[in-house]
Amino acid sequence: ETSAEQEALTETVSELAGTPGDADLAAVLRVQIRRLMTA
């Protein structure tokens, strides 16, 4: 079973895949990785 943090990270991966050069989404990815690892 996946957690809410894992689902959020999966969504961000999909978004970043659509715009790979987006620095803002890369920052969101970093924050979500941090949140997931904290949880």
All heavy atoms as atom14 arrays in JSON, in Angstrom:
{
  "sequence": "ETSAEQEALTETVSELAGTPGDADLAAVLRVQIRRLMTA",
  "atom14_mask": [
    [1, 1, 1, 1, 1, 1, 1, 1, 1, 0, 0, 0, 0, 0],
    [1, 1, 1, 1, 1, 1, 1, 0, 0, 0, 0, 0, 0, 0],
    [1, 1, 1, 1, 1, 1, 0, 0, 0, 0, 0, 0, 0, 0],
    [1, 1, 1, 1, 1, 0, 0, 0, 0, 0, 0, 0, 0, 0],
    [1, 1, 1, 1, 1, 1, 1, 1, 1, 0, 0, 0, 0, 0],
    [1, 1, 1, 1, 1, 1, 1, 1, 1, 0, 0, 0, 0, 0],
    [1, 1, 1, 1, 1, 1, 1, 1, 1, 0, 0, 0, 0, 0],
    [1, 1, 1, 1, 1, 0, 0, 0, 0, 0, 0, 0, 0, 0],
    [1, 1, 1, 1, 1, 1, 1, 1, 0, 0, 0, 0, 0, 0],
    [1, 1, 1, 1, 1, 1, 1, 0, 0, 0, 0, 0, 0, 0],
    [1, 1, 1, 1, 1, 1, 1, 1, 1, 0, 0, 0, 0, 0],
    [1, 1, 1, 1, 1, 1, 1, 0, 0, 0, 0, 0, 0, 0],
    [1, 1, 1, 1, 1, 1, 1, 0, 0, 0, 0, 0, 0, 0],
    [1, 1, 1, 1, 1, 1, 0, 0, 0, 0, 0, 0, 0, 0],
    [1, 1, 1, 1, 1, 1, 1, 1, 1, 0, 0, 0, 0, 0],
    [1, 1, 1, 1, 1, 1, 1, 1, 0, 0, 0, 0, 0, 0],
    [1, 1, 1, 1, 1, 0, 0, 0, 0, 0, 0, 0, 0, 0],
    [1, 1, 1, 1, 0, 0, 0, 0, 0, 0, 0, 0, 0, 0],
    [1, 1, 1, 1, 1, 1, 1, 0, 0, 0, 0, 0, 0, 0],
    [1, 1, 1, 1, 1, 1, 1, 0, 0, 0, 0, 0, 0, 0],
    [1, 1, 1, 1, 0, 0, 0, 0, 0, 0, 0, 0, 0, 0],
    [1, 1, 1, 1, 1, 1, 1, 1, 0, 0, 0, 0, 0, 0],
    [1, 1, 1, 1, 1, 0, 0, 0, 0, 0, 0, 0, 0, 0],
    [1, 1, 1, 1, 1, 1, 1, 1, 0, 0, 0, 0, 0, 0],
    [1, 1, 1, 1, 1, 1, 1, 1, 0, 0, 0, 0, 0, 0],
    [1, 1, 1, 1, 1, 0, 0, 0, 0, 0, 0, 0, 0, 0],
    [1, 1, 1, 1, 1, 0, 0, 0, 0, 0, 0, 0, 0, 0],
    [1, 1, 1, 1, 1, 1, 1, 0, 0, 0, 0, 0, 0, 0],
    [1, 1, 1, 1, 1, 1, 1, 1, 0, 0, 0, 0, 0, 0],
    [1, 1, 1, 1, 1, 1, 1, 1, 1, 1, 1, 0, 0, 0],
    [1, 1, 1, 1, 1, 1, 1, 0, 0, 0, 0, 0, 0, 0],
    [1, 1, 1, 1, 1, 1, 1, 1, 1, 0, 0, 0, 0, 0],
    [1, 1, 1, 1, 1, 1, 1, 1, 0, 0, 0, 0, 0, 0],
    [1, 1, 1, 1, 1, 1, 1, 1, 1, 1, 1, 0, 0, 0],
    [1, 1, 1, 1, 1, 1, 1, 1, 1, 1, 1, 0, 0, 0],
    [1, 1, 1, 1, 1, 1, 1, 1, 0, 0, 0, 0, 0, 0],
    [1, 1, 1, 1, 1, 1, 1, 1, 0, 0, 0, 0, 0, 0],
    [1, 1, 1, 1, 1, 1, 1, 0, 0, 0, 0, 0, 0, 0],
    [1, 1, 1, 1, 1, 0, 0, 0, 0, 0, 0, 0, 0, 0]
  ],
  "atom14_positions": [
    [[0.85, -1.19, 0.0], [0.0, 0.0, 0.0], [0.88, 1.24, 0.0], [1.87, 1.31, 0.72], [-0.9, -0.02, 1.23], [-2.05, 0.95, 1.13], [-3.06, 0.71, 2.24], [-3.43, -0.46, 2.47], [-3.46, 1.7, 2.85], [0.0, 0.0, 0.0], [0.0, 0.0, 0.0], [0.0, 0.0, 0.0], [0.0, 0.0, 0.0], [0.0, 0.0, 0.0]],
    [[0.52, 2.23, -0.81], [1.31, 3.47, -0.87], [0.72, 4.51, 0.07], [-0.48, 4.59, 0.26], [1.39, 4.03, -2.3], [0.07, 4.26, -2.78], [2.12, 3.08, -3.23], [0.0, 0.0, 0.0], [0.0, 0.0, 0.0], [0.0, 0.0, 0.0], [0.0, 0.0, 0.0], [0.0, 0.0, 0.0], [0.0, 0.0, 0.0], [0.0, 0.0, 0.0]],
    [[1.62, 5.34, 0.6], [1.2, 6.39, 1.53], [0.81, 7.65, 0.76], [1.06, 7.76, -0.45], [2.34, 6.72, 2.49], [3.4, 7.33, 1.79], [0.0, 0.0, 0.0], [0.0, 0.0, 0.0], [0.0, 0.0, 0.0], [0.0, 0.0, 0.0], [0.0, 0.0, 0.0], [0.0, 0.0, 0.0], [0.0, 0.0, 0.0], [0.0, 0.0, 0.0]],
    [[0.25, 8.61, 1.46], [-0.11, 9.9, 0.84], [1.14, 10.61, 0.32], [1.1, 11.23, -0.75], [-0.84, 10.78, 1.86], [0.0, 0.0, 0.0], [0.0, 0.0, 0.0], [0.0, 0.0, 0.0], [0.0, 0.0, 0.0], [0.0, 0.0, 0.0], [0.0, 0.0, 0.0], [0.0, 0.0, 0.0], [0.0, 0.0, 0.0], [0.0, 0.0, 0.0]],
    [[2.24, 10.51, 1.06], [3.49, 11.13, 0.62], [4.0, 10.5, -0.68], [4.49, 11.19, -1.57], [4.58, 11.01, 1.7], [4.29, 11.75, 2.98], [3.49, 10.92, 3.99], [3.24, 9.72, 3.73], [3.11, 11.48, 5.02], [0.0, 0.0, 0.0], [0.0, 0.0, 0.0], [0.0, 0.0, 0.0], [0.0, 0.0, 0.0], [0.0, 0.0, 0.0]],
    [[3.86, 9.19, -0.79], [4.28, 8.5, -2.0], [3.41, 8.88, -3.19], [3.91, 9.05, -4.3], [4.29, 6.98, -1.78], [5.41, 6.54, -0.85], [5.31, 5.09, -0.46], [4.23, 4.61, -0.09], [6.43, 4.39, -0.5], [0.0, 0.0, 0.0], [0.0, 0.0, 0.0], [0.0, 0.0, 0.0], [0.0, 0.0, 0.0], [0.0, 0.0, 0.0]],
    [[2.11, 9.01, -2.96], [1.21, 9.43, -4.04], [1.54, 10.84, -4.51], [1.56, 11.13, -5.71], [-0.25, 9.34, -3.58], [-0.75, 7.92, -3.37], [-0.73, 7.08, -4.63], [-0.96, 7.63, -5.74], [-0.49, 5.88, -4.52], [0.0, 0.0, 0.0], [0.0, 0.0, 0.0], [0.0, 0.0, 0.0], [0.0, 0.0, 0.0], [0.0, 0.0, 0.0]],
    [[1.8, 11.75, -3.55], [2.15, 13.13, -3.91], [3.44, 13.16, -4.71], [3.56, 13.9, -5.7], [2.27, 13.98, -2.65], [0.0, 0.0, 0.0], [0.0, 0.0, 0.0], [0.0, 0.0, 0.0], [0.0, 0.0, 0.0], [0.0, 0.0, 0.0], [0.0, 0.0, 0.0], [0.0, 0.0, 0.0], [0.0, 0.0, 0.0], [0.0, 0.0, 0.0]],
    [[4.42, 12.37, -4.3], [5.7, 12.31, -5.02], [5.49, 11.78, -6.44], [6.05, 12.32, -7.4], [6.7, 11.44, -4.26], [8.09, 11.35, -4.88], [8.77, 12.7, -4.89], [8.92, 10.33, -4.12], [0.0, 0.0, 0.0], [0.0, 0.0, 0.0], [0.0, 0.0, 0.0], [0.0, 0.0, 0.0], [0.0, 0.0, 0.0], [0.0, 0.0, 0.0]],
    [[4.67, 10.76, -6.58], [4.39, 10.2, -7.91], [3.76, 11.25, -8.82], [4.12, 11.35, -10.0], [3.46, 8.97, -7.77], [4.11, 7.99, -6.96], [3.12, 8.38, -9.13], [0.0, 0.0, 0.0], [0.0, 0.0, 0.0], [0.0, 0.0, 0.0], [0.0, 0.0, 0.0], [0.0, 0.0, 0.0], [0.0, 0.0, 0.0], [0.0, 0.0, 0.0]],
    [[2.85, 12.05, -8.29], [2.23, 13.12, -9.09], [3.26, 14.15, -9.52], [3.25, 14.62, -10.67], [1.1, 13.78, -8.29], [-0.12, 12.91, -8.14], [-1.2, 13.58, -7.28], [-1.25, 14.82, -7.23], [-1.99, 12.84, -6.67], [0.0, 0.0, 0.0], [0.0, 0.0, 0.0], [0.0, 0.0, 0.0], [0.0, 0.0, 0.0], [0.0, 0.0, 0.0]],
    [[4.16, 14.52, -8.62], [5.2, 15.51, -8.96], [6.15, 14.95, -10.01], [6.58, 15.67, -10.91], [5.97, 15.93, -7.69], [5.04, 16.51, -6.78], [7.03, 16.96, -8.02], [0.0, 0.0, 0.0], [0.0, 0.0, 0.0], [0.0, 0.0, 0.0], [0.0, 0.0, 0.0], [0.0, 0.0, 0.0], [0.0, 0.0, 0.0], [0.0, 0.0, 0.0]],
    [[6.48, 13.66, -9.93], [7.32, 13.03, -10.94], [6.67, 13.16, -12.31], [7.32, 13.54, -13.29], [7.59, 11.54, -10.6], [8.18, 10.8, -11.78], [8.52, 11.43, -9.39], [0.0, 0.0, 0.0], [0.0, 0.0, 0.0], [0.0, 0.0, 0.0], [0.0, 0.0, 0.0], [0.0, 0.0, 0.0], [0.0, 0.0, 0.0], [0.0, 0.0, 0.0]],
    [[5.38, 12.9, -12.38], [4.66, 13.02, -13.66], [4.66, 14.46, -14.17], [4.85, 14.7, -15.36], [3.22, 12.53, -13.5], [3.21, 11.15, -13.22], [0.0, 0.0, 0.0], [0.0, 0.0, 0.0], [0.0, 0.0, 0.0], [0.0, 0.0, 0.0], [0.0, 0.0, 0.0], [0.0, 0.0, 0.0], [0.0, 0.0, 0.0], [0.0, 0.0, 0.0]],
    [[4.45, 15.41, -13.27], [4.47, 16.82, -13.67], [5.85, 17.24, -14.17], [5.97, 17.9, -15.19], [4.08, 17.72, -12.5], [2.6, 17.78, -12.22], [2.31, 18.78, -11.1], [2.55, 19.98, -11.31], [1.85, 18.34, -10.03], [0.0, 0.0, 0.0], [0.0, 0.0, 0.0], [0.0, 0.0, 0.0], [0.0, 0.0, 0.0], [0.0, 0.0, 0.0]],
    [[6.88, 16.85, -13.42], [8.24, 17.22, -13.8], [8.65, 16.55, -15.1], [9.41, 17.12, -15.88], [9.21, 16.87, -12.67], [10.65, 17.38, -12.8], [10.69, 18.89, -13.02], [11.45, 17.0, -11.56], [0.0, 0.0, 0.0], [0.0, 0.0, 0.0], [0.0, 0.0, 0.0], [0.0, 0.0, 0.0], [0.0, 0.0, 0.0], [0.0, 0.0, 0.0]],
    [[8.14, 15.37, -15.35], [8.43, 14.68, -16.61], [7.91, 15.49, -17.8], [8.5, 15.48, -18.87], [7.82, 13.29, -16.61], [0.0, 0.0, 0.0], [0.0, 0.0, 0.0], [0.0, 0.0, 0.0], [0.0, 0.0, 0.0], [0.0, 0.0, 0.0], [0.0, 0.0, 0.0], [0.0, 0.0, 0.0], [0.0, 0.0, 0.0], [0.0, 0.0, 0.0]],
    [[6.8, 16.19, -17.61], [6.23, 17.01, -18.67], [7.01, 18.29, -18.93], [6.98, 18.81, -20.04], [0.0, 0.0, 0.0], [0.0, 0.0, 0.0], [0.0, 0.0, 0.0], [0.0, 0.0, 0.0], [0.0, 0.0, 0.0], [0.0, 0.0, 0.0], [0.0, 0.0, 0.0], [0.0, 0.0, 0.0], [0.0, 0.0, 0.0], [0.0, 0.0, 0.0]],
    [[7.69, 18.78, -17.92], [8.51, 20.0, -18.05], [9.81, 19.79, -17.29], [10.01, 20.34, -16.2], [7.77, 21.23, -17.5], [7.36, 20.97, -16.16], [6.58, 21.61, -18.34], [0.0, 0.0, 0.0], [0.0, 0.0, 0.0], [0.0, 0.0, 0.0], [0.0, 0.0, 0.0], [0.0, 0.0, 0.0], [0.0, 0.0, 0.0], [0.0, 0.0, 0.0]],
    [[10.73, 18.98, -17.84], [11.92, 18.58, -17.11], [12.86, 19.72, -16.68], [13.61, 19.56, -15.74], [12.64, 17.62, -18.04], [12.01, 17.78, -19.36], [10.67, 18.38, -19.16], [0.0, 0.0, 0.0], [0.0, 0.0, 0.0], [0.0, 0.0, 0.0], [0.0, 0.0, 0.0], [0.0, 0.0, 0.0], [0.0, 0.0, 0.0], [0.0, 0.0, 0.0]],
    [[12.8, 20.86, -17.31], [13.68, 21.95, -16.94], [13.1, 22.89, -15.9], [13.72, 23.89, -15.55], [0.0, 0.0, 0.0], [0.0, 0.0, 0.0], [0.0, 0.0, 0.0], [0.0, 0.0, 0.0], [0.0, 0.0, 0.0], [0.0, 0.0, 0.0], [0.0, 0.0, 0.0], [0.0, 0.0, 0.0], [0.0, 0.0, 0.0], [0.0, 0.0, 0.0]],
    [[11.94, 22.58, -15.37], [11.25, 23.46, -14.44], [11.9, 23.41, -13.06], [11.75, 22.45, -12.31], [9.78, 23.05, -14.34], [8.93, 24.05, -13.59], [9.42, 24.65, -12.61], [7.76, 24.23, -13.97], [0.0, 0.0, 0.0], [0.0, 0.0, 0.0], [0.0, 0.0, 0.0], [0.0, 0.0, 0.0], [0.0, 0.0, 0.0], [0.0, 0.0, 0.0]],
    [[12.63, 24.47, -12.71], [13.35, 24.54, -11.43], [12.38, 24.54, -10.24], [12.71, 24.0, -9.18], [14.24, 25.77, -11.39], [0.0, 0.0, 0.0], [0.0, 0.0, 0.0], [0.0, 0.0, 0.0], [0.0, 0.0, 0.0], [0.0, 0.0, 0.0], [0.0, 0.0, 0.0], [0.0, 0.0, 0.0], [0.0, 0.0, 0.0], [0.0, 0.0, 0.0]],
    [[11.22, 25.15, -10.42], [10.24, 25.18, -9.33], [9.73, 23.77, -9.01], [9.59, 23.4, -7.84], [9.06, 26.09, -9.67], [9.47, 27.56, -9.73], [10.44, 27.93, -9.05], [8.81, 28.32, -10.46], [0.0, 0.0, 0.0], [0.0, 0.0, 0.0], [0.0, 0.0, 0.0], [0.0, 0.0, 0.0], [0.0, 0.0, 0.0], [0.0, 0.0, 0.0]],
    [[9.43, 22.99, -10.05], [8.98, 21.61, -9.81], [10.1, 20.76, -9.23], [9.84, 19.88, -8.4], [8.46, 20.99, -11.1], [7.04, 21.39, -11.5], [6.67, 20.81, -12.86], [6.03, 20.97, -10.44], [0.0, 0.0, 0.0], [0.0, 0.0, 0.0], [0.0, 0.0, 0.0], [0.0, 0.0, 0.0], [0.0, 0.0, 0.0], [0.0, 0.0, 0.0]],
    [[11.35, 21.01, -9.62], [12.48, 20.29, -9.04], [12.57, 20.59, -7.54], [12.86, 19.71, -6.73], [13.78, 20.64, -9.74], [0.0, 0.0, 0.0], [0.0, 0.0, 0.0], [0.0, 0.0, 0.0], [0.0, 0.0, 0.0], [0.0, 0.0, 0.0], [0.0, 0.0, 0.0], [0.0, 0.0, 0.0], [0.0, 0.0, 0.0], [0.0, 0.0, 0.0]],
    [[12.3, 21.85, -7.16], [12.29, 22.22, -5.75], [11.15, 21.52, -5.01], [11.32, 21.05, -3.88], [12.19, 23.73, -5.6], [0.0, 0.0, 0.0], [0.0, 0.0, 0.0], [0.0, 0.0, 0.0], [0.0, 0.0, 0.0], [0.0, 0.0, 0.0], [0.0, 0.0, 0.0], [0.0, 0.0, 0.0], [0.0, 0.0, 0.0], [0.0, 0.0, 0.0]],
    [[9.99, 21.44, -5.65], [8.85, 20.73, -5.06], [9.22, 19.26, -4.86], [8.92, 18.67, -3.82], [7.58, 20.88, -5.93], [6.48, 19.94, -5.47], [7.1, 22.31, -5.93], [0.0, 0.0, 0.0], [0.0, 0.0, 0.0], [0.0, 0.0, 0.0], [0.0, 0.0, 0.0], [0.0, 0.0, 0.0], [0.0, 0.0, 0.0], [0.0, 0.0, 0.0]],
    [[9.88, 18.68, -5.85], [10.32, 17.28, -5.75], [11.23, 17.1, -4.54], [11.06, 16.15, -3.77], [11.04, 16.86, -7.03], [11.56, 15.43, -7.06], [10.39, 14.46, -7.2], [12.55, 15.24, -8.19], [0.0, 0.0, 0.0], [0.0, 0.0, 0.0], [0.0, 0.0, 0.0], [0.0, 0.0, 0.0], [0.0, 0.0, 0.0], [0.0, 0.0, 0.0]],
    [[12.18, 18.01, -4.35], [13.1, 17.92, -3.21], [12.34, 17.98, -1.88], [12.6, 17.19, -0.97], [14.15, 19.02, -3.29], [15.19, 18.96, -2.2], [16.28, 20.0, -2.32], [15.75, 21.35, -2.33], [15.7, 22.14, -3.42], [16.15, 21.71, -4.58], [15.21, 23.36, -3.34], [0.0, 0.0, 0.0], [0.0, 0.0, 0.0], [0.0, 0.0, 0.0]],
    [[11.38, 18.9, -1.79], [10.58, 19.02, -0.56], [9.77, 17.75, -0.33], [9.69, 17.25, 0.8], [9.65, 20.26, -0.64], [8.64, 20.26, 0.49], [10.49, 21.54, -0.62], [0.0, 0.0, 0.0], [0.0, 0.0, 0.0], [0.0, 0.0, 0.0], [0.0, 0.0, 0.0], [0.0, 0.0, 0.0], [0.0, 0.0, 0.0], [0.0, 0.0, 0.0]],
    [[9.19, 17.19, -1.37], [8.39, 15.98, -1.21], [9.26, 14.78, -0.84], [8.83, 13.92, -0.06], [7.56, 15.72, -2.46], [6.41, 16.71, -2.55], [5.52, 16.45, -3.74], [5.96, 15.94, -4.76], [4.27, 16.81, -3.6], [0.0, 0.0, 0.0], [0.0, 0.0, 0.0], [0.0, 0.0, 0.0], [0.0, 0.0, 0.0], [0.0, 0.0, 0.0]],
    [[10.47, 14.71, -1.4], [11.39, 13.65, -1.01], [11.71, 13.78, 0.48], [11.7, 12.8, 1.23], [12.67, 13.67, -1.86], [12.37, 13.23, -3.3], [13.76, 12.8, -1.25], [13.52, 13.4, -4.27], [0.0, 0.0, 0.0], [0.0, 0.0, 0.0], [0.0, 0.0, 0.0], [0.0, 0.0, 0.0], [0.0, 0.0, 0.0], [0.0, 0.0, 0.0]],
    [[11.97, 15.0, 0.92], [12.29, 15.24, 2.33], [11.1, 14.84, 3.22], [11.27, 14.17, 4.23], [12.66, 16.7, 2.55], [13.1, 16.99, 3.98], [13.49, 18.43, 4.18], [12.3, 19.27, 4.08], [12.27, 20.45, 3.48], [13.34, 20.94, 2.91], [11.16, 21.16, 3.45], [0.0, 0.0, 0.0], [0.0, 0.0, 0.0], [0.0, 0.0, 0.0]],
    [[9.89, 15.25, 2.85], [8.7, 14.91, 3.64], [8.48, 13.4, 3.71], [8.16, 12.85, 4.76], [7.45, 15.58, 3.04], [7.37, 17.04, 3.32], [6.12, 17.63, 2.73], [6.09, 19.08, 2.96], [5.36, 19.91, 2.28], [4.55, 19.48, 1.32], [5.4, 21.21, 2.54], [0.0, 0.0, 0.0], [0.0, 0.0, 0.0], [0.0, 0.0, 0.0]],
    [[8.65, 12.74, 2.58], [8.45, 11.31, 2.54], [9.46, 10.6, 3.43], [9.11, 9.71, 4.21], [8.57, 10.81, 1.09], [8.15, 9.35, 0.88], [7.48, 9.21, -0.46], [9.33, 8.43, 0.97], [0.0, 0.0, 0.0], [0.0, 0.0, 0.0], [0.0, 0.0, 0.0], [0.0, 0.0, 0.0], [0.0, 0.0, 0.0], [0.0, 0.0, 0.0]],
    [[10.72, 11.02, 3.36], [11.74, 10.35, 4.17], [11.58, 10.68, 5.65], [11.94, 9.87, 6.5], [13.14, 10.71, 3.67], [13.43, 10.06, 2.32], [15.14, 10.22, 1.78], [15.35, 11.99, 1.75], [0.0, 0.0, 0.0], [0.0, 0.0, 0.0], [0.0, 0.0, 0.0], [0.0, 0.0, 0.0], [0.0, 0.0, 0.0], [0.0, 0.0, 0.0]],
    [[11.04, 11.84, 5.97], [10.76, 12.17, 7.37], [9.63, 11.29, 7.89], [9.68, 10.78, 9.01], [10.38, 13.67, 7.5], [11.48, 14.46, 7.06], [10.05, 14.02, 8.94], [0.0, 0.0, 0.0], [0.0, 0.0, 0.0], [0.0, 0.0, 0.0], [0.0, 0.0, 0.0], [0.0, 0.0, 0.0], [0.0, 0.0, 0.0], [0.0, 0.0, 0.0]],
    [[8.61, 11.08, 7.06], [7.47, 10.24, 7.45], [7.83, 8.75, 7.45], [7.21, 7.96, 8.16], [6.3, 10.49, 6.51], [0.0, 0.0, 0.0], [0.0, 0.0, 0.0], [0.0, 0.0, 0.0], [0.0, 0.0, 0.0], [0.0, 0.0, 0.0], [0.0, 0.0, 0.0], [0.0, 0.0, 0.0], [0.0, 0.0, 0.0], [0.0, 0.0, 0.0]]
  ]
}
